[in-house]
N, C-alpha and C. Protein backbone atom coordinates (compact mmCIF):
# COMPACT_ATOMS: atom_id res chain seq x y z
N MET A 1 -26.19 -26.55 52.03
CA MET A 1 -25.34 -25.00 52.62
C MET A 1 -25.05 -24.35 51.62
N PRO A 2 -25.66 -23.18 51.28
CA PRO A 2 -25.14 -22.31 50.39
C PRO A 2 -23.53 -22.30 50.07
N SER A 3 -22.79 -22.27 48.95
CA SER A 3 -21.53 -22.41 48.79
C SER A 3 -21.04 -20.97 48.89
N ASP A 4 -19.82 -21.01 49.49
CA ASP A 4 -19.13 -19.51 49.72
C ASP A 4 -18.28 -19.27 48.41
N VAL A 5 -17.80 -20.18 47.82
CA VAL A 5 -17.28 -20.00 46.35
C VAL A 5 -17.60 -19.32 45.32
N LYS A 6 -17.20 -18.12 45.02
CA LYS A 6 -17.78 -17.41 43.82
C LYS A 6 -17.40 -18.00 42.59
N PRO A 7 -18.34 -17.73 41.86
CA PRO A 7 -18.37 -18.43 40.48
C PRO A 7 -17.22 -17.64 39.55
N ARG A 8 -16.59 -18.09 38.68
CA ARG A 8 -15.26 -17.60 38.12
C ARG A 8 -16.33 -16.44 37.07
N ARG A 9 -15.59 -15.55 37.15
CA ARG A 9 -15.89 -14.39 35.92
C ARG A 9 -15.26 -14.47 34.66
N HIS A 10 -16.14 -14.89 33.48
CA HIS A 10 -15.87 -15.09 32.28
C HIS A 10 -14.90 -13.86 31.83
N TYR A 11 -13.39 -14.34 31.56
CA TYR A 11 -12.58 -13.29 30.85
C TYR A 11 -12.57 -12.83 29.69
N ASP A 12 -13.04 -11.58 29.56
CA ASP A 12 -13.07 -11.18 27.85
C ASP A 12 -12.02 -10.56 27.46
N SER A 13 -11.32 -11.14 26.37
CA SER A 13 -10.01 -10.58 25.72
C SER A 13 -10.18 -9.92 24.62
N SER A 14 -11.36 -9.42 24.38
CA SER A 14 -11.82 -8.68 23.10
C SER A 14 -11.25 -7.25 23.29
N ARG A 15 -11.86 -6.76 24.67
CA ARG A 15 -11.29 -5.36 24.74
C ARG A 15 -9.81 -5.20 24.77
N ARG A 16 -8.98 -6.08 25.41
CA ARG A 16 -7.67 -6.02 25.58
C ARG A 16 -6.99 -6.19 24.14
N ARG A 17 -7.80 -7.09 23.26
CA ARG A 17 -6.98 -7.10 21.79
C ARG A 17 -7.38 -5.63 21.00
N ALA A 18 -8.40 -5.16 21.38
CA ALA A 18 -8.71 -3.94 20.72
C ALA A 18 -7.83 -2.92 21.19
N GLN A 19 -7.57 -2.65 22.30
CA GLN A 19 -6.57 -1.82 23.02
C GLN A 19 -5.00 -2.00 22.48
N ALA A 20 -4.82 -3.15 22.24
CA ALA A 20 -3.42 -3.35 21.81
C ALA A 20 -3.65 -3.31 19.94
N ALA A 21 -4.66 -3.35 19.44
CA ALA A 21 -4.67 -3.00 17.87
C ALA A 21 -4.41 -1.57 17.72
N GLN A 22 -5.24 -0.71 18.77
CA GLN A 22 -5.46 0.62 18.73
C GLN A 22 -3.74 1.21 19.13
N THR A 23 -3.09 0.96 20.06
CA THR A 23 -2.01 1.09 20.46
C THR A 23 -0.74 0.73 19.30
N GLN A 24 -0.88 -0.02 18.65
CA GLN A 24 -0.32 -0.30 17.33
C GLN A 24 -0.53 0.79 16.41
N GLN A 25 -1.67 0.89 16.17
CA GLN A 25 -1.88 1.89 15.14
C GLN A 25 -1.41 3.28 15.48
N GLU A 26 -1.27 3.47 16.87
CA GLU A 26 -0.57 4.89 17.04
C GLU A 26 0.51 4.83 16.97
N VAL A 27 1.47 3.94 17.16
CA VAL A 27 2.80 3.58 16.85
C VAL A 27 2.97 3.87 15.36
N ILE A 28 2.33 3.05 14.37
CA ILE A 28 2.43 2.98 13.22
C ILE A 28 2.44 4.61 12.86
N GLU A 29 1.27 5.25 13.14
CA GLU A 29 1.30 6.58 12.74
C GLU A 29 2.33 7.45 13.15
N ALA A 30 2.91 7.50 14.62
CA ALA A 30 3.67 8.31 14.90
C ALA A 30 5.18 8.00 14.27
N ALA A 31 5.31 6.49 13.75
CA ALA A 31 6.49 6.09 13.30
C ALA A 31 6.57 7.03 11.90
N ARG A 32 5.58 6.85 11.08
CA ARG A 32 5.24 7.35 9.80
C ARG A 32 5.59 8.68 9.75
N VAL A 33 4.99 9.56 10.71
CA VAL A 33 5.58 10.93 11.08
C VAL A 33 6.91 11.25 10.97
N LEU A 34 7.58 10.37 11.87
CA LEU A 34 8.61 10.52 12.34
C LEU A 34 9.72 10.24 10.93
N PHE A 35 9.43 9.24 10.37
CA PHE A 35 10.24 8.69 9.26
C PHE A 35 10.15 9.48 8.23
N LEU A 36 9.35 10.19 8.03
CA LEU A 36 9.29 11.29 6.46
C LEU A 36 9.86 12.43 7.26
N ALA A 37 9.87 12.79 8.13
CA ALA A 37 10.51 14.04 8.49
C ALA A 37 11.60 13.75 8.71
N HIS A 38 12.04 12.90 9.19
CA HIS A 38 13.71 12.77 9.82
C HIS A 38 14.63 11.40 8.86
N GLY A 39 14.03 10.74 8.12
CA GLY A 39 14.68 9.93 7.55
C GLY A 39 14.48 8.26 8.35
N TYR A 40 14.99 7.43 7.71
CA TYR A 40 14.84 6.16 8.83
C TYR A 40 16.06 6.36 9.62
N GLY A 41 17.71 6.59 9.29
CA GLY A 41 18.68 6.30 10.48
C GLY A 41 18.38 7.46 11.44
N GLN A 42 17.80 8.61 11.10
CA GLN A 42 17.98 9.37 12.50
C GLN A 42 16.62 8.96 13.21
N THR A 43 15.70 8.26 12.87
CA THR A 43 14.64 8.19 13.72
C THR A 43 15.07 6.78 14.43
N THR A 44 14.76 6.86 15.68
CA THR A 44 15.00 5.94 16.76
C THR A 44 13.64 5.36 17.26
N VAL A 45 13.69 4.21 17.84
CA VAL A 45 12.74 3.59 18.42
C VAL A 45 12.43 4.26 19.63
N GLY A 46 13.14 4.90 20.52
CA GLY A 46 12.97 5.66 21.64
C GLY A 46 11.93 6.91 21.05
N ALA A 47 12.50 7.48 20.13
CA ALA A 47 11.49 8.78 19.57
C ALA A 47 10.37 8.10 19.18
N ILE A 48 10.00 6.95 18.91
CA ILE A 48 9.17 6.37 18.15
C ILE A 48 8.29 6.19 19.30
N ALA A 49 8.69 5.64 20.46
CA ALA A 49 7.98 5.28 21.48
C ALA A 49 7.31 6.44 22.36
N GLU A 50 8.42 7.78 22.31
CA GLU A 50 7.89 8.93 23.14
C GLU A 50 6.39 9.69 22.38
N ALA A 51 6.66 9.49 20.99
CA ALA A 51 5.56 10.07 20.20
C ALA A 51 4.36 9.35 20.14
N ALA A 52 4.59 7.95 20.38
CA ALA A 52 3.10 7.29 20.50
C ALA A 52 2.47 7.15 21.99
N GLY A 53 3.43 7.61 23.03
CA GLY A 53 2.77 7.46 24.36
C GLY A 53 3.08 5.99 25.08
N VAL A 54 3.93 5.16 24.32
CA VAL A 54 4.17 3.81 24.80
C VAL A 54 5.92 3.80 25.21
N SER A 55 5.90 2.57 25.92
CA SER A 55 7.47 2.14 26.21
C SER A 55 8.05 1.42 24.93
N VAL A 56 9.33 1.70 24.99
CA VAL A 56 10.36 1.14 23.74
C VAL A 56 9.81 -0.61 23.95
N GLU A 57 9.72 -0.95 25.15
CA GLU A 57 9.54 -2.61 25.25
C GLU A 57 8.49 -3.04 24.71
N THR A 58 7.49 -2.19 24.72
CA THR A 58 5.96 -2.64 23.75
C THR A 58 6.15 -2.38 22.35
N ILE A 59 6.89 -1.49 21.85
CA ILE A 59 7.12 -1.48 20.14
C ILE A 59 8.07 -2.71 20.02
N TYR A 60 8.91 -3.00 20.72
CA TYR A 60 9.99 -4.26 20.41
C TYR A 60 9.09 -5.48 20.41
N LYS A 61 7.83 -5.74 21.37
CA LYS A 61 7.38 -6.72 21.45
C LYS A 61 6.46 -7.02 20.03
N ALA A 62 5.85 -5.56 19.90
CA ALA A 62 4.70 -5.65 18.81
C ALA A 62 5.54 -6.17 17.40
N PHE A 63 6.40 -5.45 17.25
CA PHE A 63 6.96 -5.16 16.05
C PHE A 63 8.40 -5.40 15.63
N GLY A 64 9.18 -5.94 17.07
CA GLY A 64 10.45 -6.64 16.53
C GLY A 64 11.60 -5.57 16.65
N GLY A 65 11.29 -4.27 16.21
CA GLY A 65 12.35 -3.31 16.14
C GLY A 65 11.82 -2.46 15.02
N LYS A 66 12.78 -1.53 14.57
CA LYS A 66 12.75 -0.57 13.50
C LYS A 66 12.35 -1.13 12.12
N PRO A 67 12.94 -2.13 11.58
CA PRO A 67 12.55 -2.68 10.47
C PRO A 67 11.20 -3.10 10.43
N GLY A 68 10.64 -3.58 11.19
CA GLY A 68 9.33 -4.11 11.52
C GLY A 68 8.20 -3.06 11.44
N ILE A 69 8.74 -1.96 12.26
CA ILE A 69 7.73 -0.85 12.13
C ILE A 69 7.36 -0.52 10.76
N VAL A 70 8.61 -0.14 10.10
CA VAL A 70 8.50 0.29 8.57
C VAL A 70 7.81 -0.55 7.64
N ARG A 71 7.81 -1.65 8.15
CA ARG A 71 7.02 -2.80 7.29
C ARG A 71 5.70 -2.61 7.68
N ALA A 72 5.08 -2.36 8.91
CA ALA A 72 3.85 -2.18 9.40
C ALA A 72 3.37 -0.79 8.59
N VAL A 73 4.41 0.10 8.72
CA VAL A 73 3.79 1.52 8.04
C VAL A 73 3.33 1.21 6.32
N VAL A 74 4.25 0.54 5.67
CA VAL A 74 3.78 0.29 4.31
C VAL A 74 2.67 -0.58 4.38
N SER A 75 2.61 -1.74 4.92
CA SER A 75 1.26 -2.42 5.22
C SER A 75 -0.31 -1.82 5.25
N LYS A 76 -0.13 -0.70 6.52
CA LYS A 76 -1.29 -0.08 6.72
C LYS A 76 -1.36 0.97 5.68
N GLY A 77 -0.30 1.21 5.03
CA GLY A 77 -0.64 2.28 3.85
C GLY A 77 -1.18 1.87 2.54
N LEU A 78 -1.28 0.10 2.33
CA LEU A 78 -1.38 -0.17 1.29
C LEU A 78 -3.32 -0.29 1.48
N GLU A 79 -3.61 -0.28 2.82
CA GLU A 79 -4.93 -0.55 2.90
C GLU A 79 -5.89 0.67 2.25
N GLY A 80 -5.27 1.84 2.24
CA GLY A 80 -5.89 2.82 1.94
C GLY A 80 -6.74 3.34 2.84
N SER A 81 -7.93 4.16 2.44
CA SER A 81 -8.78 4.85 3.63
C SER A 81 -9.96 3.68 3.81
N GLY A 82 -10.70 3.75 4.81
CA GLY A 82 -11.80 3.21 4.84
C GLY A 82 -11.68 1.79 5.85
N PRO A 83 -12.83 1.49 5.75
CA PRO A 83 -12.97 -0.14 6.82
C PRO A 83 -12.53 -1.44 5.87
N VAL A 84 -12.69 -1.03 4.39
CA VAL A 84 -11.96 -2.19 3.49
C VAL A 84 -10.98 -2.13 2.96
N PRO A 85 -9.87 -2.67 2.78
CA PRO A 85 -8.84 -2.60 2.36
C PRO A 85 -8.67 -2.61 0.69
N ALA A 86 -8.09 -1.68 0.30
CA ALA A 86 -8.11 -1.19 -1.24
C ALA A 86 -7.70 -2.52 -2.10
N GLU A 87 -6.95 -3.28 -1.82
CA GLU A 87 -6.48 -4.54 -2.63
C GLU A 87 -8.03 -5.44 -2.66
N ARG A 88 -8.75 -5.56 -1.38
CA ARG A 88 -10.01 -6.29 -1.52
C ARG A 88 -11.12 -5.57 -2.48
N ARG A 89 -11.16 -4.19 -2.32
CA ARG A 89 -12.15 -3.42 -3.16
C ARG A 89 -11.48 -3.72 -4.55
N SER A 90 -10.23 -3.69 -4.93
CA SER A 90 -10.04 -3.70 -6.49
C SER A 90 -10.19 -5.12 -6.84
N ASP A 91 -10.51 -6.39 -6.22
CA ASP A 91 -10.85 -7.66 -6.75
C ASP A 91 -12.10 -7.46 -6.60
N GLU A 92 -12.97 -6.96 -5.78
CA GLU A 92 -14.50 -6.75 -5.95
C GLU A 92 -14.67 -6.29 -7.16
N MET A 93 -14.06 -4.88 -7.45
CA MET A 93 -14.64 -4.64 -8.40
C MET A 93 -14.02 -5.16 -9.89
N GLN A 94 -13.20 -5.68 -9.88
CA GLN A 94 -12.95 -6.39 -11.29
C GLN A 94 -13.97 -7.67 -11.43
N ALA A 95 -14.47 -8.19 -10.39
CA ALA A 95 -15.50 -9.36 -10.35
C ALA A 95 -16.88 -8.90 -11.24
N VAL A 96 -16.96 -7.60 -10.76
CA VAL A 96 -18.26 -7.25 -11.60
C VAL A 96 -18.19 -6.25 -12.84
N GLU A 97 -16.86 -5.32 -12.90
CA GLU A 97 -16.76 -4.74 -13.93
C GLU A 97 -16.20 -5.28 -15.09
N ARG A 98 -16.81 -5.11 -16.49
CA ARG A 98 -16.43 -5.90 -17.35
C ARG A 98 -15.39 -5.33 -18.55
N ASP A 99 -15.85 -4.34 -18.53
CA ASP A 99 -15.29 -2.99 -19.31
C ASP A 99 -13.60 -2.67 -18.72
N ALA A 100 -12.63 -2.99 -19.86
CA ALA A 100 -11.25 -3.01 -19.80
C ALA A 100 -10.92 -1.59 -19.07
N ARG A 101 -11.55 -0.41 -19.89
CA ARG A 101 -11.25 0.92 -19.56
C ARG A 101 -11.43 1.32 -18.17
N ALA A 102 -12.80 0.80 -17.87
CA ALA A 102 -13.37 1.40 -16.53
C ALA A 102 -12.72 0.66 -15.47
N VAL A 103 -12.05 -0.79 -15.81
CA VAL A 103 -11.00 -1.68 -14.71
C VAL A 103 -9.78 -0.47 -14.46
N ILE A 104 -9.17 -0.30 -15.49
CA ILE A 104 -8.10 0.59 -15.37
C ILE A 104 -8.23 1.70 -14.73
N ARG A 105 -9.35 2.97 -15.35
CA ARG A 105 -9.48 4.08 -14.47
C ARG A 105 -9.72 3.68 -12.93
N ASN A 106 -10.47 2.51 -12.49
CA ASN A 106 -10.82 2.01 -11.10
C ASN A 106 -9.59 2.17 -10.42
N TRP A 107 -8.70 1.04 -11.12
CA TRP A 107 -7.20 0.63 -10.84
C TRP A 107 -6.44 1.74 -10.35
N THR A 108 -6.56 3.08 -11.21
CA THR A 108 -5.62 4.45 -10.94
C THR A 108 -6.34 5.08 -9.85
N ARG A 109 -7.58 5.26 -9.76
CA ARG A 109 -8.26 6.22 -8.64
C ARG A 109 -7.82 5.24 -7.35
N LEU A 110 -7.85 3.93 -7.29
CA LEU A 110 -7.47 3.35 -6.07
C LEU A 110 -5.88 3.54 -5.94
N GLY A 111 -5.30 3.67 -6.79
CA GLY A 111 -3.87 3.60 -6.84
C GLY A 111 -3.53 5.07 -6.03
N THR A 112 -4.14 6.16 -6.39
CA THR A 112 -4.07 7.61 -5.71
C THR A 112 -4.52 7.45 -4.21
N GLU A 113 -5.37 6.63 -3.98
CA GLU A 113 -5.77 7.12 -2.86
C GLU A 113 -4.61 6.01 -1.66
N VAL A 114 -4.08 5.10 -2.26
CA VAL A 114 -2.95 4.20 -1.51
C VAL A 114 -1.49 5.06 -1.74
N ALA A 115 -1.43 5.44 -2.99
CA ALA A 115 -0.02 6.13 -3.00
C ALA A 115 0.50 7.18 -1.96
N PRO A 116 -0.20 8.18 -1.34
CA PRO A 116 -0.08 9.09 -0.37
C PRO A 116 0.43 8.36 1.09
N ARG A 117 -0.03 7.40 0.88
CA ARG A 117 0.26 6.75 2.28
C ARG A 117 1.52 5.61 2.43
N THR A 118 1.97 5.31 0.94
CA THR A 118 3.10 4.35 0.81
C THR A 118 3.95 5.01 0.15
N ALA A 119 3.85 5.77 -1.09
CA ALA A 119 5.10 6.18 -1.73
C ALA A 119 6.17 6.79 -0.83
N PRO A 120 5.57 8.04 -0.13
CA PRO A 120 6.89 8.50 0.70
C PRO A 120 7.51 7.79 1.50
N ILE A 121 6.85 6.77 2.06
CA ILE A 121 7.70 5.88 3.10
C ILE A 121 8.59 4.75 1.96
N VAL A 122 7.99 4.43 1.04
CA VAL A 122 8.70 3.73 0.22
C VAL A 122 10.45 4.40 -0.35
N LEU A 123 9.97 5.97 -0.42
CA LEU A 123 11.15 6.56 -0.92
C LEU A 123 12.05 6.58 0.39
N VAL A 124 11.20 6.59 1.45
CA VAL A 124 12.71 6.96 2.72
C VAL A 124 13.27 5.22 3.06
N ILE A 125 12.52 4.15 2.75
CA ILE A 125 13.31 2.91 2.68
C ILE A 125 14.28 3.01 1.41
N ARG A 126 14.10 3.55 0.21
CA ARG A 126 15.07 3.50 -0.94
C ARG A 126 16.44 4.33 -0.64
N ALA A 127 16.07 5.40 0.16
CA ALA A 127 17.28 6.42 0.81
C ALA A 127 17.93 5.60 1.69
N ALA A 128 17.21 4.71 2.46
CA ALA A 128 18.38 3.84 3.64
C ALA A 128 18.81 2.63 3.00
N ALA A 129 18.22 2.25 2.02
CA ALA A 129 18.67 0.75 1.64
C ALA A 129 20.08 0.49 0.74
N GLY A 130 20.67 2.05 0.62
CA GLY A 130 22.21 1.84 0.26
C GLY A 130 22.87 1.44 1.39
N MET A 131 22.53 1.97 2.54
CA MET A 131 23.60 1.83 3.69
C MET A 131 23.42 0.95 4.71
N ASP A 132 21.94 0.34 4.84
CA ASP A 132 21.09 -0.61 5.88
C ASP A 132 20.95 -1.79 4.73
N PRO A 133 21.39 -3.11 4.94
CA PRO A 133 20.98 -4.30 4.37
C PRO A 133 19.67 -4.46 4.58
N GLU A 134 18.96 -4.36 5.83
CA GLU A 134 17.72 -4.82 6.18
C GLU A 134 16.53 -4.00 5.29
N MET A 135 16.81 -2.89 4.91
CA MET A 135 16.53 -1.65 4.33
C MET A 135 16.21 -1.90 3.03
N ALA A 136 17.68 -2.84 2.36
CA ALA A 136 17.83 -3.16 1.00
C ALA A 136 16.78 -4.29 0.59
N GLY A 137 16.97 -5.30 1.80
CA GLY A 137 15.78 -6.25 1.65
C GLY A 137 14.48 -6.07 1.80
N LEU A 138 14.14 -5.02 2.62
CA LEU A 138 12.68 -4.46 2.38
C LEU A 138 12.09 -4.26 1.14
N LEU A 139 13.08 -3.17 0.53
CA LEU A 139 12.78 -2.39 -0.73
C LEU A 139 12.79 -3.40 -1.83
N ALA A 140 13.41 -4.73 -1.77
CA ALA A 140 13.30 -5.37 -2.56
C ALA A 140 11.77 -6.42 -2.52
N GLU A 141 11.43 -6.70 -1.06
CA GLU A 141 10.62 -7.25 -0.84
C GLU A 141 9.26 -6.44 -1.22
N VAL A 142 9.40 -5.07 -1.08
CA VAL A 142 8.05 -4.21 -1.43
C VAL A 142 7.96 -4.36 -2.97
N ASP A 143 9.12 -4.13 -3.75
CA ASP A 143 9.19 -4.23 -5.20
C ASP A 143 8.47 -5.49 -5.82
N GLU A 144 8.99 -6.53 -5.35
CA GLU A 144 8.25 -7.72 -5.76
C GLU A 144 6.88 -7.98 -5.39
N SER A 145 6.74 -7.83 -3.95
CA SER A 145 5.00 -7.49 -3.88
C SER A 145 4.29 -6.82 -4.93
N ARG A 146 4.76 -5.45 -5.31
CA ARG A 146 3.84 -4.82 -6.19
C ARG A 146 4.00 -5.21 -7.88
N MET A 147 5.06 -5.93 -8.05
CA MET A 147 5.19 -6.71 -9.19
C MET A 147 4.14 -8.08 -9.44
N ARG A 148 4.09 -8.56 -8.21
CA ARG A 148 3.14 -9.72 -8.38
C ARG A 148 1.70 -9.15 -8.56
N ARG A 149 1.52 -8.10 -7.90
CA ARG A 149 0.03 -7.61 -7.82
C ARG A 149 0.15 -7.10 -9.49
N MET A 150 0.61 -6.41 -9.72
CA MET A 150 0.67 -5.74 -11.46
C MET A 150 0.26 -7.11 -12.19
N GLU A 151 1.36 -8.35 -12.26
CA GLU A 151 0.86 -9.20 -12.90
C GLU A 151 -0.50 -9.87 -12.62
N GLU A 152 -1.24 -9.93 -11.64
CA GLU A 152 -2.17 -10.47 -11.28
C GLU A 152 -3.06 -9.45 -12.24
N ASN A 153 -3.12 -8.06 -12.18
CA ASN A 153 -3.86 -7.28 -12.65
C ASN A 153 -3.64 -7.25 -14.36
N ALA A 154 -2.57 -7.48 -14.92
CA ALA A 154 -2.19 -8.18 -16.09
C ALA A 154 -2.78 -9.17 -16.62
N ARG A 155 -2.88 -10.28 -15.78
CA ARG A 155 -3.54 -11.44 -16.27
C ARG A 155 -5.15 -11.13 -16.34
N THR A 156 -5.47 -10.62 -15.30
CA THR A 156 -7.21 -9.89 -15.22
C THR A 156 -7.64 -9.50 -16.91
N LEU A 157 -6.82 -8.49 -17.51
CA LEU A 157 -6.78 -8.13 -18.98
C LEU A 157 -6.65 -9.04 -19.81
N SER A 158 -5.16 -9.89 -19.59
CA SER A 158 -5.19 -10.88 -20.57
C SER A 158 -6.27 -11.71 -20.73
N GLU A 159 -6.70 -12.48 -19.66
CA GLU A 159 -7.84 -13.72 -19.73
C GLU A 159 -9.03 -13.20 -20.51
N ARG A 160 -9.22 -11.53 -20.57
CA ARG A 160 -10.49 -11.13 -21.16
C ARG A 160 -10.32 -10.79 -22.43
N GLY A 161 -9.13 -11.03 -22.90
CA GLY A 161 -8.84 -10.70 -24.30
C GLY A 161 -8.97 -9.24 -24.52
N ALA A 162 -8.29 -8.43 -23.78
CA ALA A 162 -8.29 -6.89 -23.61
C ALA A 162 -7.22 -6.50 -24.32
N PHE A 163 -6.19 -6.82 -24.33
CA PHE A 163 -4.86 -6.65 -24.86
C PHE A 163 -5.00 -6.31 -26.69
N ARG A 164 -4.10 -5.15 -27.17
CA ARG A 164 -4.31 -5.15 -28.52
C ARG A 164 -3.17 -6.03 -29.00
N GLU A 165 -3.10 -6.39 -30.06
CA GLU A 165 -2.33 -7.62 -30.99
C GLU A 165 -0.89 -7.29 -30.47
N GLY A 166 -0.24 -8.30 -30.00
CA GLY A 166 1.06 -8.34 -29.93
C GLY A 166 1.71 -7.84 -28.40
N ILE A 167 0.47 -7.70 -27.40
CA ILE A 167 1.16 -7.51 -26.12
C ILE A 167 1.12 -8.55 -25.57
N THR A 168 2.18 -9.04 -24.61
CA THR A 168 2.39 -10.01 -23.93
C THR A 168 1.91 -9.98 -22.49
N LEU A 169 1.77 -10.93 -21.56
CA LEU A 169 1.64 -10.84 -20.43
C LEU A 169 2.68 -10.21 -19.17
N GLU A 170 4.10 -10.63 -19.79
CA GLU A 170 5.11 -10.08 -18.90
C GLU A 170 5.05 -8.51 -19.67
N GLU A 171 5.19 -7.93 -20.73
CA GLU A 171 5.20 -6.53 -21.15
C GLU A 171 3.98 -5.70 -20.26
N ALA A 172 2.74 -6.31 -20.31
CA ALA A 172 2.10 -5.71 -19.54
C ALA A 172 2.22 -5.43 -18.24
N ARG A 173 2.56 -6.56 -17.50
CA ARG A 173 2.78 -6.47 -16.17
C ARG A 173 4.08 -5.28 -16.04
N ASP A 174 4.92 -5.44 -16.79
CA ASP A 174 6.29 -4.45 -16.76
C ASP A 174 5.50 -2.94 -16.66
N ILE A 175 4.73 -3.00 -17.99
CA ILE A 175 4.03 -1.35 -17.93
C ILE A 175 3.17 -0.77 -16.66
N LEU A 176 2.29 -1.85 -16.13
CA LEU A 176 2.11 -1.16 -14.99
C LEU A 176 2.54 -1.18 -13.86
N TRP A 177 3.75 -2.09 -13.55
CA TRP A 177 4.55 -2.02 -12.48
C TRP A 177 5.21 -0.64 -12.57
N SER A 178 5.54 -0.12 -13.74
CA SER A 178 6.40 1.18 -14.22
C SER A 178 5.42 2.53 -13.83
N ILE A 179 4.41 2.21 -14.22
CA ILE A 179 3.20 3.45 -14.20
C ILE A 179 2.77 3.40 -12.90
N SER A 180 2.78 2.66 -11.88
CA SER A 180 2.51 2.44 -10.82
C SER A 180 3.47 2.74 -9.80
N SER A 181 4.54 3.12 -9.92
CA SER A 181 6.00 3.31 -9.12
C SER A 181 5.75 4.40 -8.52
N PRO A 182 6.34 4.36 -7.11
CA PRO A 182 6.56 5.38 -6.22
C PRO A 182 7.33 6.69 -6.79
N GLU A 183 8.38 6.28 -7.57
CA GLU A 183 9.00 7.07 -8.50
C GLU A 183 8.21 8.43 -9.37
N LEU A 184 7.61 7.60 -10.04
CA LEU A 184 6.58 8.31 -10.98
C LEU A 184 5.66 9.16 -9.91
N TYR A 185 5.18 8.91 -8.94
CA TYR A 185 4.19 9.48 -8.11
C TYR A 185 5.13 10.57 -7.42
N GLU A 186 6.42 10.36 -7.27
CA GLU A 186 7.32 11.48 -6.93
C GLU A 186 7.83 12.50 -7.63
N LEU A 187 7.81 12.29 -8.78
CA LEU A 187 8.05 13.04 -10.02
C LEU A 187 6.90 14.02 -10.24
N LEU A 188 5.60 13.61 -10.36
CA LEU A 188 4.51 14.32 -10.80
C LEU A 188 3.92 14.73 -9.72
N VAL A 189 3.52 14.28 -8.40
CA VAL A 189 2.64 14.69 -7.52
C VAL A 189 3.53 15.45 -6.54
N LEU A 190 4.98 14.78 -5.97
CA LEU A 190 5.24 15.37 -4.70
C LEU A 190 6.39 16.68 -5.35
N ARG A 191 6.78 16.21 -6.66
CA ARG A 191 7.78 17.42 -7.25
C ARG A 191 7.23 18.56 -8.03
N ARG A 192 6.22 17.96 -8.81
CA ARG A 192 5.71 18.68 -9.81
C ARG A 192 4.07 19.55 -9.35
N GLY A 193 3.38 18.79 -7.93
CA GLY A 193 2.46 19.50 -7.89
C GLY A 193 1.26 18.98 -8.20
N TRP A 194 1.18 17.80 -9.08
CA TRP A 194 0.08 17.21 -9.69
C TRP A 194 -1.11 16.94 -8.76
N SER A 195 -2.58 17.20 -8.79
CA SER A 195 -3.59 16.60 -8.10
C SER A 195 -3.47 15.25 -8.16
N ALA A 196 -4.28 14.70 -7.19
CA ALA A 196 -4.42 12.86 -7.37
C ALA A 196 -5.33 12.64 -8.47
N ASP A 197 -6.43 13.58 -9.04
CA ASP A 197 -7.28 13.34 -9.93
C ASP A 197 -6.25 13.09 -11.11
N ARG A 198 -5.47 14.26 -11.22
CA ARG A 198 -4.65 14.49 -12.47
C ARG A 198 -3.96 13.40 -12.94
N PHE A 199 -3.27 12.89 -11.62
CA PHE A 199 -2.00 11.86 -11.82
C PHE A 199 -3.01 10.62 -12.14
N ALA A 200 -4.22 10.11 -11.47
CA ALA A 200 -4.86 9.03 -11.88
C ALA A 200 -5.22 8.90 -13.16
N ALA A 201 -5.59 10.11 -13.83
CA ALA A 201 -6.36 10.15 -15.11
C ALA A 201 -5.31 9.78 -16.20
N PHE A 202 -3.90 10.56 -15.88
CA PHE A 202 -2.63 10.37 -16.34
C PHE A 202 -2.41 8.84 -16.41
N GLN A 203 -2.28 8.00 -15.63
CA GLN A 203 -2.13 6.96 -15.36
C GLN A 203 -2.95 5.93 -16.23
N ALA A 204 -4.31 6.20 -15.94
CA ALA A 204 -5.13 5.63 -16.62
C ALA A 204 -4.84 5.48 -18.29
N ASP A 205 -4.91 6.79 -18.40
CA ASP A 205 -4.50 7.25 -20.26
C ASP A 205 -3.36 6.38 -20.72
N GLN A 206 -2.23 6.72 -20.15
CA GLN A 206 -0.96 5.87 -20.07
C GLN A 206 -1.30 4.38 -20.29
N ILE A 207 -1.92 3.84 -19.21
CA ILE A 207 -2.06 2.29 -19.50
C ILE A 207 -2.83 1.88 -20.73
N ILE A 208 -4.11 2.58 -20.92
CA ILE A 208 -4.80 2.16 -21.95
C ILE A 208 -4.22 2.27 -23.13
N ALA A 209 -3.53 3.51 -23.91
CA ALA A 209 -2.76 3.69 -24.86
C ALA A 209 -1.84 2.73 -25.04
N ALA A 210 -1.14 2.13 -24.22
CA ALA A 210 0.13 1.09 -24.03
C ALA A 210 -0.68 -0.48 -24.35
N LEU A 211 -1.67 -0.70 -23.81
CA LEU A 211 -2.12 -2.11 -23.73
C LEU A 211 -3.45 -2.46 -24.57
N LEU A 212 -4.21 -1.32 -24.50
CA LEU A 212 -5.57 -1.86 -25.04
C LEU A 212 -5.73 -1.37 -26.62
N PRO A 213 -6.60 -1.90 -27.55
CA PRO A 213 -6.58 -1.44 -28.96
C PRO A 213 -7.58 0.06 -28.77
N PRO A 214 -7.38 0.73 -29.95
CA PRO A 214 -7.95 1.87 -30.23
C PRO A 214 -9.78 1.30 -29.79
N GLU A 215 -10.09 2.39 -29.40
CA GLU A 215 -11.74 2.30 -29.56
C GLU A 215 -12.21 2.74 -30.95
N THR A 216 -13.21 1.64 -31.18
CA THR A 216 -13.84 1.91 -32.49
C THR A 216 -14.82 3.11 -32.82
N PRO A 217 -14.37 4.29 -33.65
CA PRO A 217 -15.13 5.17 -33.61
C PRO A 217 -16.75 5.05 -33.91
N LEU A 218 -17.55 5.69 -33.22
CA LEU A 218 -18.98 5.73 -33.45
C LEU A 218 -19.37 5.81 -35.05
N SER A 219 -20.33 5.31 -35.59
CA SER A 219 -20.60 5.69 -37.09
C SER A 219 -21.54 6.76 -37.02
N ASP A 220 -21.60 7.36 -37.96
CA ASP A 220 -22.60 8.53 -38.26
C ASP A 220 -23.90 8.16 -38.61
């Protein structure tokens, strides 16, 4: 006899995951806009939820609260634009590009893709850090993460013998860390109105002058 029992429908969770990811991105973008407009202290989870069109409960489940949202905004900014995260593109570029000057100029171009997405929010974190221990901890975390990345970049140059005589790995790391700082971006781009291209070229010129030997002039 034919069975009246219907076969179980296979549950496809991919659509639900995609919707959740889209919701998280909408929350991150809404939070970024509000944090930049009003600062950390004046921006509430309720305001973020309203701007993103979600419930407060949804935000707490996804991010754990306001500090988690800020961390997510920074992480999203570090990806840059496009489908491939900026850090991965940097690693892939370094694997094939052997000229140290070209590597550095590619670094600074990628940096100016990321900086508009990260530097302003890091400055918001810095402003809040004096009054909020969680933001102070997050600021230290962001600084340390950038320091580690700059040490990796410095090691790439060091292992290729690119440094001029007397430059140590630690000194190179500190120079890269300083020149890539959100504070320098704030001074020259946000306050003085430099273009991204001008800022990237300036950064590259400073790094090359500080770390690499002079180019050998072409003979006549």
